[in-house]
Amino acid sequence: KSRGFGPQGVSGVGKRKLRKLGGVVAARGPREIHGVVVKEWQRLPKQLVQEYCQKQKRPRPKFLRCKCDAKDKFRTRCVLPDPKNSAKDIVMAPTEPRDTLQEADQYAALAMLYHLSPSLPLQRKLPEPYAGAWLSMGSDTAQVNVDSKFATKQEKQLHHKKKRELSNRREAKKLQAKARFMKVHMSDEIRRYIENLLESRRHMMKQQQQ
């Protein structure tokens, strides 16, 4: 059963002929898309992300260029808009620069697929080199790495909120410690003042007795 990716209702994947309405439809055979050979039953990462959005009734994914320090290279971030709250938009931006914008889009889509369903065996649907990249995901030799630990704006905002709260608590502790120090310091001054006052009083009493 499909779990959110790829077409449904097609049997005999890999056969050279498909039957339709009593006739015979020849399979299209492999196609080359931006230098990648895609067989009829395979899907590019962008296609799988788009199919996921359609089945989940989400808006279409967006692919936006990122800053890339490497000359004549490209980086892209894949954005899955939330239909109700933009703070819940999911964003994946691979760190690795790519030779073409189309390639950068596909690897950004691959990162998004891994975030959505890391356990799916999508290497069966993906053409090379994306099948190999998918198998490497999550390992020490991953071919795709994401530059942010925050998947959504909401998570990032929550992280910054917790960071501010922690900073405020630390500042409050510092102020409390300073207040205690001042209290003890003032207590010492008062104690010394009282001791000096008593000592002066005793001295005056001795003089009066003489």
N, C-alpha and C. Protein backbone atom coordinates (compact mmCIF):
# COMPACT_ATOMS: atom_id res chain seq x y z
N LYS A 1 0.85 -1.21 0.00
CA LYS A 1 0.00 0.00 0.00
C LYS A 1 0.87 1.25 0.00
N SER A 2 0.49 2.21 -0.81
CA SER A 2 1.26 3.45 -0.87
C SER A 2 1.19 4.19 0.45
N ARG A 3 2.32 4.82 0.84
CA ARG A 3 2.37 5.56 2.10
C ARG A 3 2.59 7.04 1.85
N GLY A 4 2.11 7.53 0.72
CA GLY A 4 2.17 8.97 0.51
C GLY A 4 3.00 9.40 -0.67
N PHE A 5 3.74 8.45 -1.29
CA PHE A 5 4.59 8.81 -2.40
C PHE A 5 4.30 7.90 -3.59
N GLY A 6 4.38 8.47 -4.81
CA GLY A 6 4.30 7.66 -6.01
C GLY A 6 2.87 7.36 -6.43
N PRO A 7 2.69 6.88 -7.68
CA PRO A 7 1.36 6.61 -8.21
C PRO A 7 0.79 5.35 -7.62
N GLN A 8 -0.54 5.22 -7.62
CA GLN A 8 -1.22 4.05 -7.14
C GLN A 8 -2.00 3.41 -8.28
N GLY A 9 -2.34 2.13 -8.12
CA GLY A 9 -3.21 1.47 -9.07
C GLY A 9 -2.53 0.99 -10.32
N VAL A 10 -1.19 1.00 -10.41
CA VAL A 10 -0.47 0.51 -11.58
C VAL A 10 0.19 -0.80 -11.21
N SER A 11 -0.17 -1.88 -11.88
CA SER A 11 0.41 -3.19 -11.59
C SER A 11 1.42 -3.55 -12.66
N GLY A 12 2.25 -4.56 -12.33
CA GLY A 12 3.24 -5.01 -13.31
C GLY A 12 4.28 -3.97 -13.62
N VAL A 13 4.78 -3.28 -12.59
CA VAL A 13 5.80 -2.27 -12.80
C VAL A 13 7.04 -2.92 -13.38
N GLY A 14 7.58 -2.35 -14.40
CA GLY A 14 8.77 -2.89 -15.04
C GLY A 14 8.46 -3.63 -16.32
N LYS A 15 7.17 -3.92 -16.59
CA LYS A 15 6.82 -4.58 -17.84
C LYS A 15 6.95 -3.60 -19.00
N ARG A 16 7.17 -4.15 -20.15
CA ARG A 16 7.34 -3.30 -21.32
C ARG A 16 6.01 -2.88 -21.94
N LYS A 17 4.92 -3.55 -21.55
CA LYS A 17 3.63 -3.19 -22.12
C LYS A 17 2.58 -3.08 -21.02
N LEU A 18 1.66 -2.14 -21.17
CA LEU A 18 0.55 -1.95 -20.25
C LEU A 18 -0.75 -2.09 -21.03
N ARG A 19 -1.73 -2.76 -20.43
CA ARG A 19 -3.02 -2.93 -21.10
C ARG A 19 -3.98 -1.84 -20.64
N LYS A 20 -4.70 -1.25 -21.56
CA LYS A 20 -5.65 -0.19 -21.24
C LYS A 20 -6.83 -0.25 -22.21
N LEU A 21 -8.03 -0.41 -21.65
CA LEU A 21 -9.27 -0.42 -22.44
C LEU A 21 -9.21 -1.46 -23.56
N GLY A 22 -8.63 -2.62 -23.25
CA GLY A 22 -8.59 -3.69 -24.24
C GLY A 22 -7.49 -3.54 -25.27
N GLY A 23 -6.80 -2.42 -25.28
CA GLY A 23 -5.72 -2.21 -26.22
C GLY A 23 -4.38 -2.37 -25.57
N VAL A 24 -3.31 -2.13 -26.28
CA VAL A 24 -1.96 -2.25 -25.76
C VAL A 24 -1.26 -0.91 -25.91
N VAL A 25 -0.74 -0.42 -24.78
CA VAL A 25 -0.02 0.85 -24.79
C VAL A 25 1.45 0.57 -24.53
N ALA A 26 2.32 0.94 -25.43
CA ALA A 26 3.75 0.69 -25.26
C ALA A 26 4.30 1.58 -24.16
N ALA A 27 5.17 1.01 -23.34
CA ALA A 27 5.82 1.80 -22.29
C ALA A 27 6.72 2.84 -22.93
N ARG A 28 6.86 3.97 -22.26
CA ARG A 28 7.63 5.07 -22.84
C ARG A 28 9.12 4.81 -22.83
N GLY A 29 9.58 4.00 -21.88
CA GLY A 29 11.01 3.78 -21.77
C GLY A 29 11.67 4.89 -20.98
N PRO A 30 12.95 4.76 -20.73
CA PRO A 30 13.67 5.76 -19.92
C PRO A 30 13.75 7.12 -20.62
N ARG A 31 13.76 8.18 -19.80
CA ARG A 31 13.92 9.54 -20.31
C ARG A 31 15.11 10.18 -19.62
N GLU A 32 15.70 11.14 -20.27
CA GLU A 32 16.79 11.90 -19.65
C GLU A 32 16.27 13.28 -19.28
N ILE A 33 16.33 13.59 -17.98
CA ILE A 33 15.86 14.88 -17.48
C ILE A 33 17.01 15.58 -16.77
N HIS A 34 17.48 16.67 -17.34
CA HIS A 34 18.60 17.43 -16.78
C HIS A 34 19.80 16.52 -16.48
N GLY A 35 20.09 15.64 -17.42
CA GLY A 35 21.26 14.77 -17.29
C GLY A 35 21.04 13.52 -16.46
N VAL A 36 19.83 13.32 -15.95
CA VAL A 36 19.53 12.14 -15.14
C VAL A 36 18.61 11.21 -15.93
N VAL A 37 18.99 9.95 -16.03
CA VAL A 37 18.17 8.96 -16.74
C VAL A 37 17.08 8.46 -15.80
N VAL A 38 15.83 8.70 -16.19
CA VAL A 38 14.68 8.34 -15.35
C VAL A 38 13.85 7.30 -16.08
N LYS A 39 13.75 6.12 -15.48
CA LYS A 39 12.92 5.06 -16.06
C LYS A 39 11.45 5.38 -15.82
N GLU A 40 10.58 4.68 -16.55
CA GLU A 40 9.16 5.00 -16.51
C GLU A 40 8.57 4.91 -15.11
N TRP A 41 9.02 3.98 -14.32
CA TRP A 41 8.46 3.76 -12.98
C TRP A 41 9.17 4.55 -11.89
N GLN A 42 10.18 5.32 -12.28
CA GLN A 42 10.93 6.11 -11.30
C GLN A 42 10.38 7.53 -11.21
N ARG A 43 10.72 8.17 -10.10
CA ARG A 43 10.31 9.56 -9.88
C ARG A 43 11.50 10.36 -9.36
N LEU A 44 11.60 11.60 -9.82
CA LEU A 44 12.61 12.50 -9.28
C LEU A 44 12.15 12.99 -7.90
N PRO A 45 13.08 13.41 -7.04
CA PRO A 45 12.70 13.88 -5.70
C PRO A 45 11.63 14.97 -5.72
N LYS A 46 11.74 15.93 -6.64
CA LYS A 46 10.74 17.01 -6.70
C LYS A 46 9.35 16.46 -7.00
N GLN A 47 9.29 15.45 -7.87
CA GLN A 47 7.99 14.86 -8.19
C GLN A 47 7.38 14.19 -6.96
N LEU A 48 8.21 13.49 -6.18
CA LEU A 48 7.72 12.80 -4.99
C LEU A 48 7.23 13.80 -3.94
N VAL A 49 7.92 14.90 -3.80
CA VAL A 49 7.48 15.93 -2.85
C VAL A 49 6.15 16.53 -3.31
N GLN A 50 6.03 16.79 -4.60
CA GLN A 50 4.78 17.34 -5.13
C GLN A 50 3.62 16.37 -4.95
N GLU A 51 3.88 15.07 -5.16
CA GLU A 51 2.84 14.06 -4.96
C GLU A 51 2.43 13.99 -3.49
N TYR A 52 3.42 14.12 -2.61
CA TYR A 52 3.12 14.11 -1.17
C TYR A 52 2.19 15.28 -0.82
N CYS A 53 2.49 16.46 -1.33
CA CYS A 53 1.67 17.64 -1.04
C CYS A 53 0.26 17.48 -1.58
N GLN A 54 0.13 16.89 -2.77
CA GLN A 54 -1.20 16.67 -3.34
C GLN A 54 -2.02 15.73 -2.47
N LYS A 55 -1.41 14.65 -2.02
CA LYS A 55 -2.14 13.66 -1.23
C LYS A 55 -2.46 14.17 0.17
N GLN A 56 -1.60 15.04 0.70
CA GLN A 56 -1.84 15.61 2.02
C GLN A 56 -2.65 16.90 1.96
N LYS A 57 -3.05 17.28 0.72
CA LYS A 57 -3.83 18.51 0.50
C LYS A 57 -3.11 19.74 1.07
N ARG A 58 -1.82 19.78 0.81
CA ARG A 58 -1.01 20.93 1.21
C ARG A 58 -0.72 21.77 -0.03
N PRO A 59 -0.37 23.04 0.15
CA PRO A 59 0.05 23.87 -0.99
C PRO A 59 1.29 23.27 -1.67
N ARG A 60 1.49 23.65 -2.91
CA ARG A 60 2.64 23.14 -3.66
C ARG A 60 3.95 23.56 -2.99
N PRO A 61 4.97 22.72 -3.04
CA PRO A 61 6.25 23.08 -2.45
C PRO A 61 6.91 24.22 -3.22
N LYS A 62 7.72 24.98 -2.51
CA LYS A 62 8.47 26.08 -3.13
C LYS A 62 9.96 25.74 -3.10
N PHE A 63 10.66 26.15 -4.14
CA PHE A 63 12.11 25.96 -4.20
C PHE A 63 12.75 27.33 -4.42
N LEU A 64 13.48 27.78 -3.42
CA LEU A 64 14.04 29.12 -3.41
C LEU A 64 15.56 29.06 -3.32
N ARG A 65 16.23 29.92 -4.04
CA ARG A 65 17.70 29.93 -4.03
C ARG A 65 18.22 30.43 -2.69
N CYS A 66 19.32 29.82 -2.26
CA CYS A 66 20.01 30.22 -1.03
C CYS A 66 21.34 30.86 -1.39
N LYS A 67 21.93 31.54 -0.43
CA LYS A 67 23.26 32.09 -0.61
C LYS A 67 24.26 30.95 -0.76
N CYS A 68 25.12 31.05 -1.74
CA CYS A 68 26.13 30.02 -1.98
C CYS A 68 27.49 30.68 -2.11
N ASP A 69 28.42 30.29 -1.25
CA ASP A 69 29.76 30.90 -1.27
C ASP A 69 30.62 30.37 -2.42
N ALA A 70 30.30 29.19 -2.91
CA ALA A 70 31.09 28.60 -4.00
C ALA A 70 30.73 29.29 -5.33
N LYS A 71 31.75 29.67 -6.07
CA LYS A 71 31.55 30.37 -7.33
C LYS A 71 30.92 29.44 -8.37
N ASP A 72 29.94 29.97 -9.10
CA ASP A 72 29.26 29.23 -10.17
C ASP A 72 28.59 27.95 -9.67
N LYS A 73 28.19 27.94 -8.41
CA LYS A 73 27.47 26.81 -7.84
C LYS A 73 26.12 27.30 -7.32
N PHE A 74 25.28 26.35 -6.93
CA PHE A 74 23.91 26.70 -6.52
C PHE A 74 23.51 25.96 -5.25
N ARG A 75 22.71 26.64 -4.45
CA ARG A 75 22.07 26.03 -3.28
C ARG A 75 20.60 26.44 -3.29
N THR A 76 19.75 25.53 -2.88
CA THR A 76 18.31 25.77 -2.87
C THR A 76 17.72 25.29 -1.56
N ARG A 77 16.68 25.97 -1.12
CA ARG A 77 15.92 25.46 0.02
C ARG A 77 14.52 25.06 -0.45
N CYS A 78 14.06 23.95 0.08
CA CYS A 78 12.72 23.46 -0.23
C CYS A 78 11.79 23.87 0.91
N VAL A 79 10.68 24.50 0.57
CA VAL A 79 9.73 24.98 1.57
C VAL A 79 8.38 24.30 1.35
N LEU A 80 7.88 23.64 2.39
CA LEU A 80 6.53 23.09 2.37
C LEU A 80 5.62 24.02 3.16
N PRO A 81 4.84 24.85 2.48
CA PRO A 81 3.99 25.81 3.20
C PRO A 81 2.90 25.09 3.99
N ASP A 82 2.65 25.58 5.19
CA ASP A 82 1.52 25.09 5.97
C ASP A 82 0.27 25.84 5.51
N PRO A 83 -0.83 25.15 5.28
CA PRO A 83 -2.02 25.82 4.73
C PRO A 83 -2.65 26.85 5.67
N LYS A 84 -2.35 26.78 6.97
CA LYS A 84 -3.01 27.68 7.93
C LYS A 84 -2.05 28.60 8.67
N ASN A 85 -0.82 28.16 8.88
CA ASN A 85 0.10 28.93 9.72
C ASN A 85 1.49 28.91 9.11
N SER A 86 1.94 30.06 8.63
CA SER A 86 3.26 30.13 7.97
C SER A 86 4.39 29.82 8.93
N ALA A 87 4.15 29.96 10.25
CA ALA A 87 5.18 29.63 11.23
C ALA A 87 5.46 28.14 11.25
N LYS A 88 4.54 27.35 10.69
CA LYS A 88 4.72 25.90 10.64
C LYS A 88 5.24 25.42 9.29
N ASP A 89 5.63 26.35 8.42
CA ASP A 89 6.25 25.96 7.15
C ASP A 89 7.48 25.12 7.43
N ILE A 90 7.63 24.04 6.68
CA ILE A 90 8.81 23.18 6.83
C ILE A 90 9.85 23.61 5.81
N VAL A 91 11.09 23.81 6.27
CA VAL A 91 12.16 24.31 5.39
C VAL A 91 13.37 23.39 5.48
N MET A 92 13.86 22.96 4.34
CA MET A 92 15.06 22.14 4.26
C MET A 92 16.03 22.78 3.26
N ALA A 93 17.25 23.06 3.72
CA ALA A 93 18.25 23.71 2.86
C ALA A 93 19.57 22.96 2.95
N PRO A 94 19.88 22.10 2.00
CA PRO A 94 21.15 21.37 2.03
C PRO A 94 22.34 22.32 1.98
N THR A 95 23.42 21.93 2.63
CA THR A 95 24.62 22.77 2.69
C THR A 95 25.49 22.63 1.45
N GLU A 96 25.40 21.48 0.78
CA GLU A 96 26.31 21.22 -0.34
C GLU A 96 25.94 22.02 -1.58
N PRO A 97 26.90 22.73 -2.19
CA PRO A 97 26.62 23.43 -3.44
C PRO A 97 26.52 22.44 -4.60
N ARG A 98 25.71 22.76 -5.59
CA ARG A 98 25.52 21.88 -6.75
C ARG A 98 25.86 22.62 -8.03
N ASP A 99 26.10 21.85 -9.07
CA ASP A 99 26.55 22.43 -10.34
C ASP A 99 25.45 23.20 -11.07
N THR A 100 24.21 22.76 -10.91
CA THR A 100 23.11 23.43 -11.60
C THR A 100 21.98 23.72 -10.61
N LEU A 101 21.13 24.67 -10.99
CA LEU A 101 20.00 25.02 -10.14
C LEU A 101 19.01 23.85 -10.06
N GLN A 102 18.84 23.13 -11.18
CA GLN A 102 17.93 21.99 -11.19
C GLN A 102 18.41 20.90 -10.23
N GLU A 103 19.71 20.67 -10.23
CA GLU A 103 20.28 19.66 -9.33
C GLU A 103 20.11 20.09 -7.87
N ALA A 104 20.32 21.37 -7.60
CA ALA A 104 20.14 21.88 -6.23
C ALA A 104 18.70 21.69 -5.77
N ASP A 105 17.75 21.94 -6.68
CA ASP A 105 16.33 21.73 -6.35
C ASP A 105 16.06 20.28 -5.96
N GLN A 106 16.62 19.36 -6.74
CA GLN A 106 16.35 17.94 -6.50
C GLN A 106 16.93 17.48 -5.16
N TYR A 107 18.11 17.96 -4.82
CA TYR A 107 18.71 17.56 -3.54
C TYR A 107 17.98 18.21 -2.36
N ALA A 108 17.47 19.41 -2.56
CA ALA A 108 16.65 20.03 -1.51
C ALA A 108 15.37 19.23 -1.30
N ALA A 109 14.79 18.77 -2.40
CA ALA A 109 13.59 17.92 -2.31
C ALA A 109 13.92 16.60 -1.62
N LEU A 110 15.09 16.06 -1.90
CA LEU A 110 15.51 14.81 -1.27
C LEU A 110 15.63 14.99 0.24
N ALA A 111 16.19 16.11 0.67
CA ALA A 111 16.29 16.40 2.10
C ALA A 111 14.91 16.51 2.72
N MET A 112 13.97 17.10 2.00
CA MET A 112 12.60 17.21 2.50
C MET A 112 11.96 15.84 2.63
N LEU A 113 12.16 14.98 1.64
CA LEU A 113 11.61 13.62 1.70
C LEU A 113 12.14 12.87 2.91
N TYR A 114 13.42 13.05 3.19
CA TYR A 114 14.02 12.35 4.33
C TYR A 114 13.45 12.88 5.64
N HIS A 115 13.18 14.16 5.69
CA HIS A 115 12.57 14.73 6.90
C HIS A 115 11.15 14.20 7.09
N LEU A 116 10.42 14.04 6.00
CA LEU A 116 9.03 13.60 6.08
C LEU A 116 8.90 12.11 6.39
N SER A 117 9.70 11.30 5.70
CA SER A 117 9.58 9.83 5.84
C SER A 117 10.94 9.17 5.71
N PRO A 118 11.78 9.27 6.74
CA PRO A 118 13.15 8.75 6.63
C PRO A 118 13.23 7.23 6.50
N SER A 119 12.19 6.52 6.91
CA SER A 119 12.25 5.05 6.90
C SER A 119 11.75 4.42 5.61
N LEU A 120 11.17 5.22 4.70
CA LEU A 120 10.66 4.66 3.45
C LEU A 120 11.80 4.23 2.53
N PRO A 121 11.66 3.11 1.83
CA PRO A 121 12.70 2.65 0.89
C PRO A 121 12.58 3.36 -0.46
N LEU A 122 12.74 4.67 -0.45
CA LEU A 122 12.53 5.44 -1.68
C LEU A 122 13.61 5.19 -2.72
N GLN A 123 14.69 4.50 -2.33
CA GLN A 123 15.71 4.18 -3.33
C GLN A 123 15.13 3.32 -4.45
N ARG A 124 14.00 2.67 -4.19
CA ARG A 124 13.36 1.85 -5.21
C ARG A 124 12.64 2.71 -6.25
N LYS A 125 12.28 3.92 -5.87
CA LYS A 125 11.57 4.81 -6.79
C LYS A 125 12.49 5.83 -7.45
N LEU A 126 13.62 6.12 -6.79
CA LEU A 126 14.49 7.20 -7.25
C LEU A 126 15.51 6.71 -8.27
N PRO A 127 15.82 7.53 -9.28
CA PRO A 127 16.92 7.20 -10.18
C PRO A 127 18.26 7.59 -9.55
N GLU A 128 19.33 7.08 -10.10
CA GLU A 128 20.65 7.54 -9.67
C GLU A 128 20.90 8.93 -10.24
N PRO A 129 21.62 9.79 -9.51
CA PRO A 129 22.37 9.53 -8.27
C PRO A 129 21.54 9.68 -6.99
N TYR A 130 20.24 9.95 -7.13
CA TYR A 130 19.43 10.25 -5.95
C TYR A 130 19.15 9.01 -5.10
N ALA A 131 19.10 7.84 -5.74
CA ALA A 131 18.89 6.60 -4.98
C ALA A 131 20.06 6.37 -4.03
N GLY A 132 21.28 6.54 -4.54
CA GLY A 132 22.46 6.38 -3.69
C GLY A 132 22.53 7.42 -2.59
N ALA A 133 22.15 8.65 -2.94
CA ALA A 133 22.15 9.72 -1.94
C ALA A 133 21.12 9.42 -0.85
N TRP A 134 19.97 8.87 -1.24
CA TRP A 134 18.94 8.52 -0.25
C TRP A 134 19.46 7.47 0.73
N LEU A 135 20.14 6.46 0.22
CA LEU A 135 20.68 5.41 1.08
C LEU A 135 21.73 5.94 2.05
N SER A 136 22.40 7.02 1.68
CA SER A 136 23.46 7.58 2.54
C SER A 136 22.90 8.50 3.62
N MET A 137 21.64 8.89 3.49
CA MET A 137 21.06 9.86 4.42
C MET A 137 21.06 9.32 5.85
N GLY A 138 21.44 10.18 6.77
CA GLY A 138 21.47 9.80 8.18
C GLY A 138 22.74 9.10 8.62
N SER A 139 23.66 8.84 7.69
CA SER A 139 24.92 8.18 8.04
C SER A 139 26.04 9.21 8.15
N ASP A 140 27.22 8.75 8.58
CA ASP A 140 28.37 9.65 8.68
C ASP A 140 28.86 10.10 7.32
N THR A 141 28.49 9.37 6.28
CA THR A 141 28.93 9.72 4.92
C THR A 141 27.76 10.24 4.08
N ALA A 142 26.80 10.87 4.74
CA ALA A 142 25.62 11.38 4.03
C ALA A 142 26.02 12.35 2.93
N GLN A 143 25.41 12.18 1.76
CA GLN A 143 25.70 13.06 0.63
C GLN A 143 24.87 14.35 0.68
N VAL A 144 23.90 14.38 1.57
CA VAL A 144 23.04 15.56 1.72
C VAL A 144 22.95 15.90 3.20
N ASN A 145 23.34 17.11 3.54
CA ASN A 145 23.25 17.58 4.92
C ASN A 145 22.50 18.90 4.95
N VAL A 146 21.72 19.09 5.99
CA VAL A 146 20.89 20.29 6.10
C VAL A 146 21.55 21.27 7.05
N ASP A 147 21.55 22.56 6.70
CA ASP A 147 22.30 23.57 7.46
C ASP A 147 21.56 24.08 8.68
N SER A 148 20.34 23.65 8.91
CA SER A 148 19.60 24.13 10.07
C SER A 148 18.99 22.97 10.83
N LYS A 149 19.05 23.05 12.17
CA LYS A 149 18.42 22.02 13.00
C LYS A 149 16.94 22.30 13.21
N PHE A 150 16.47 23.42 12.68
CA PHE A 150 15.07 23.76 12.84
C PHE A 150 14.32 23.44 11.56
N ALA A 151 13.35 22.56 11.67
CA ALA A 151 12.57 22.20 10.49
C ALA A 151 11.50 23.23 10.18
N THR A 152 11.01 23.91 11.20
CA THR A 152 9.96 24.89 10.98
C THR A 152 10.29 26.20 11.68
N LYS A 153 9.67 27.27 11.22
CA LYS A 153 9.84 28.57 11.87
C LYS A 153 9.35 28.51 13.31
N GLN A 154 8.30 27.72 13.53
CA GLN A 154 7.74 27.61 14.88
C GLN A 154 8.77 27.00 15.84
N GLU A 155 9.48 25.96 15.37
CA GLU A 155 10.51 25.35 16.21
C GLU A 155 11.62 26.34 16.51
N LYS A 156 11.99 27.14 15.51
CA LYS A 156 13.04 28.13 15.71
C LYS A 156 12.60 29.20 16.70
N GLN A 157 11.36 29.65 16.56
CA GLN A 157 10.83 30.65 17.49
C GLN A 157 10.77 30.09 18.90
N LEU A 158 10.38 28.82 19.03
CA LEU A 158 10.31 28.18 20.34
C LEU A 158 11.70 28.07 20.96
N HIS A 159 12.68 27.74 20.11
CA HIS A 159 14.06 27.64 20.60
C HIS A 159 14.55 28.99 21.12
N HIS A 160 14.29 30.06 20.36
CA HIS A 160 14.73 31.39 20.78
C HIS A 160 13.99 31.83 22.04
N LYS A 161 12.72 31.44 22.16
CA LYS A 161 11.96 31.77 23.36
C LYS A 161 12.57 31.10 24.58
N LYS A 162 12.89 29.80 24.44
CA LYS A 162 13.51 29.08 25.55
C LYS A 162 14.88 29.66 25.89
N LYS A 163 15.61 30.09 24.85
CA LYS A 163 16.92 30.68 25.07
C LYS A 163 16.80 31.99 25.85
N ARG A 164 15.80 32.80 25.48
CA ARG A 164 15.57 34.06 26.21
C ARG A 164 15.17 33.79 27.65
N GLU A 165 14.30 32.79 27.85
CA GLU A 165 13.87 32.45 29.21
C GLU A 165 15.05 31.99 30.05
N LEU A 166 15.94 31.18 29.46
CA LEU A 166 17.12 30.72 30.18
C LEU A 166 18.03 31.89 30.53
N SER A 167 18.20 32.83 29.58
CA SER A 167 19.02 34.01 29.83
C SER A 167 18.42 34.87 30.94
N ASN A 168 17.09 35.00 30.92
CA ASN A 168 16.42 35.78 31.97
C ASN A 168 16.58 35.14 33.34
N ARG A 169 16.50 33.80 33.38
CA ARG A 169 16.67 33.11 34.66
C ARG A 169 18.08 33.29 35.20
N ARG A 170 19.06 33.22 34.30
CA ARG A 170 20.45 33.42 34.71
C ARG A 170 20.65 34.84 35.24
N GLU A 171 20.07 35.81 34.56
CA GLU A 171 20.20 37.20 34.98
C GLU A 171 19.52 37.40 36.34
N ALA A 172 18.37 36.74 36.53
CA ALA A 172 17.67 36.86 37.81
C ALA A 172 18.51 36.27 38.95
N LYS A 173 19.17 35.14 38.66
CA LYS A 173 20.03 34.53 39.68
C LYS A 173 21.20 35.45 40.04
N LYS A 174 21.76 36.11 39.02
CA LYS A 174 22.86 37.05 39.28
C LYS A 174 22.39 38.20 40.17
N LEU A 175 21.20 38.72 39.86
CA LEU A 175 20.66 39.83 40.66
C LEU A 175 20.37 39.38 42.09
N GLN A 176 19.86 38.16 42.24
CA GLN A 176 19.59 37.64 43.57
C GLN A 176 20.88 37.48 44.37
N ALA A 177 21.92 36.96 43.70
CA ALA A 177 23.20 36.79 44.37
C ALA A 177 23.79 38.14 44.78
N LYS A 178 23.65 39.13 43.89
CA LYS A 178 24.14 40.47 44.19
C LYS A 178 23.38 41.07 45.37
N ALA A 179 22.06 40.84 45.39
CA ALA A 179 21.24 41.36 46.48
C ALA A 179 21.63 40.72 47.81
N ARG A 180 21.90 39.40 47.77
CA ARG A 180 22.33 38.72 49.00
C ARG A 180 23.67 39.25 49.48
N PHE A 181 24.58 39.47 48.51
CA PHE A 181 25.89 40.00 48.86
C PHE A 181 25.76 41.37 49.51
N MET A 182 24.92 42.23 48.91
CA MET A 182 24.73 43.57 49.46
C MET A 182 24.10 43.50 50.84
N LYS A 183 23.18 42.54 51.02
CA LYS A 183 22.53 42.40 52.32
C LYS A 183 23.53 41.98 53.38
N VAL A 184 24.37 41.00 53.04
CA VAL A 184 25.40 40.55 53.99
C VAL A 184 26.40 41.65 54.25
N HIS A 185 26.79 42.36 53.17
CA HIS A 185 27.76 43.44 53.31
C HIS A 185 27.21 44.53 54.22
N MET A 186 25.96 44.92 54.00
CA MET A 186 25.34 45.94 54.84
C MET A 186 25.18 45.45 56.27
N SER A 187 24.89 44.16 56.43
CA SER A 187 24.76 43.60 57.78
C SER A 187 26.08 43.69 58.52
N ASP A 188 27.18 43.42 57.82
CA ASP A 188 28.51 43.54 58.44
C ASP A 188 28.78 44.97 58.86
N GLU A 189 28.41 45.92 58.00
CA GLU A 189 28.63 47.32 58.34
C GLU A 189 27.81 47.72 59.57
N ILE A 190 26.56 47.28 59.57
CA ILE A 190 25.70 47.60 60.72
C ILE A 190 26.25 46.96 61.99
N ARG A 191 26.71 45.68 61.86
CA ARG A 191 27.27 45.00 63.02
C ARG A 191 28.48 45.74 63.56
N ARG A 192 29.38 46.15 62.63
CA ARG A 192 30.57 46.88 63.07
C ARG A 192 30.18 48.22 63.70
N TYR A 193 29.17 48.87 63.11
CA TYR A 193 28.71 50.15 63.66
C TYR A 193 28.19 49.96 65.09
N ILE A 194 27.41 48.91 65.28
CA ILE A 194 26.87 48.65 66.63
C ILE A 194 27.98 48.30 67.60
N GLU A 195 28.94 47.47 67.13
CA GLU A 195 30.07 47.11 68.00
C GLU A 195 30.87 48.35 68.40
N ASN A 196 31.12 49.22 67.44
CA ASN A 196 31.85 50.46 67.73
C ASN A 196 31.06 51.35 68.69
N LEU A 197 29.76 51.38 68.46
CA LEU A 197 28.91 52.19 69.33
C LEU A 197 28.93 51.66 70.77
N LEU A 198 28.84 50.34 70.91
CA LEU A 198 28.89 49.72 72.24
C LEU A 198 30.25 49.93 72.90
N GLU A 199 31.30 49.79 72.08
CA GLU A 199 32.65 49.99 72.61
C GLU A 199 32.82 51.43 73.10
N SER A 200 32.32 52.37 72.33
CA SER A 200 32.39 53.77 72.75
C SER A 200 31.58 54.00 74.03
N ARG A 201 30.44 53.33 74.10
CA ARG A 201 29.60 53.46 75.29
C ARG A 201 30.31 52.91 76.53
N ARG A 202 30.96 51.76 76.40
CA ARG A 202 31.70 51.18 77.52
C ARG A 202 32.86 52.07 77.94
N HIS A 203 33.52 52.63 76.94
CA HIS A 203 34.65 53.51 77.23
C HIS A 203 34.19 54.75 78.01
N MET A 204 33.06 55.32 77.61
CA MET A 204 32.52 56.49 78.30
C MET A 204 32.11 56.14 79.74
N MET A 205 31.55 54.94 79.92
CA MET A 205 31.13 54.52 81.26
C MET A 205 32.34 54.34 82.18
N LYS A 206 33.43 53.81 81.65
CA LYS A 206 34.65 53.65 82.45
C LYS A 206 35.20 55.00 82.88
N GLN A 207 35.18 55.94 81.93
CA GLN A 207 35.69 57.28 82.25
C GLN A 207 34.84 57.93 83.33
N GLN A 208 33.54 57.74 83.27
CA GLN A 208 32.66 58.32 84.27
C GLN A 208 32.90 57.69 85.66
N GLN A 209 33.20 56.40 85.68
CA GLN A 209 33.45 55.71 86.94
C GLN A 209 34.75 56.20 87.59
N GLN A 210 35.70 56.60 86.77
CA GLN A 210 36.97 57.09 87.31
C GLN A 210 36.77 58.50 87.86
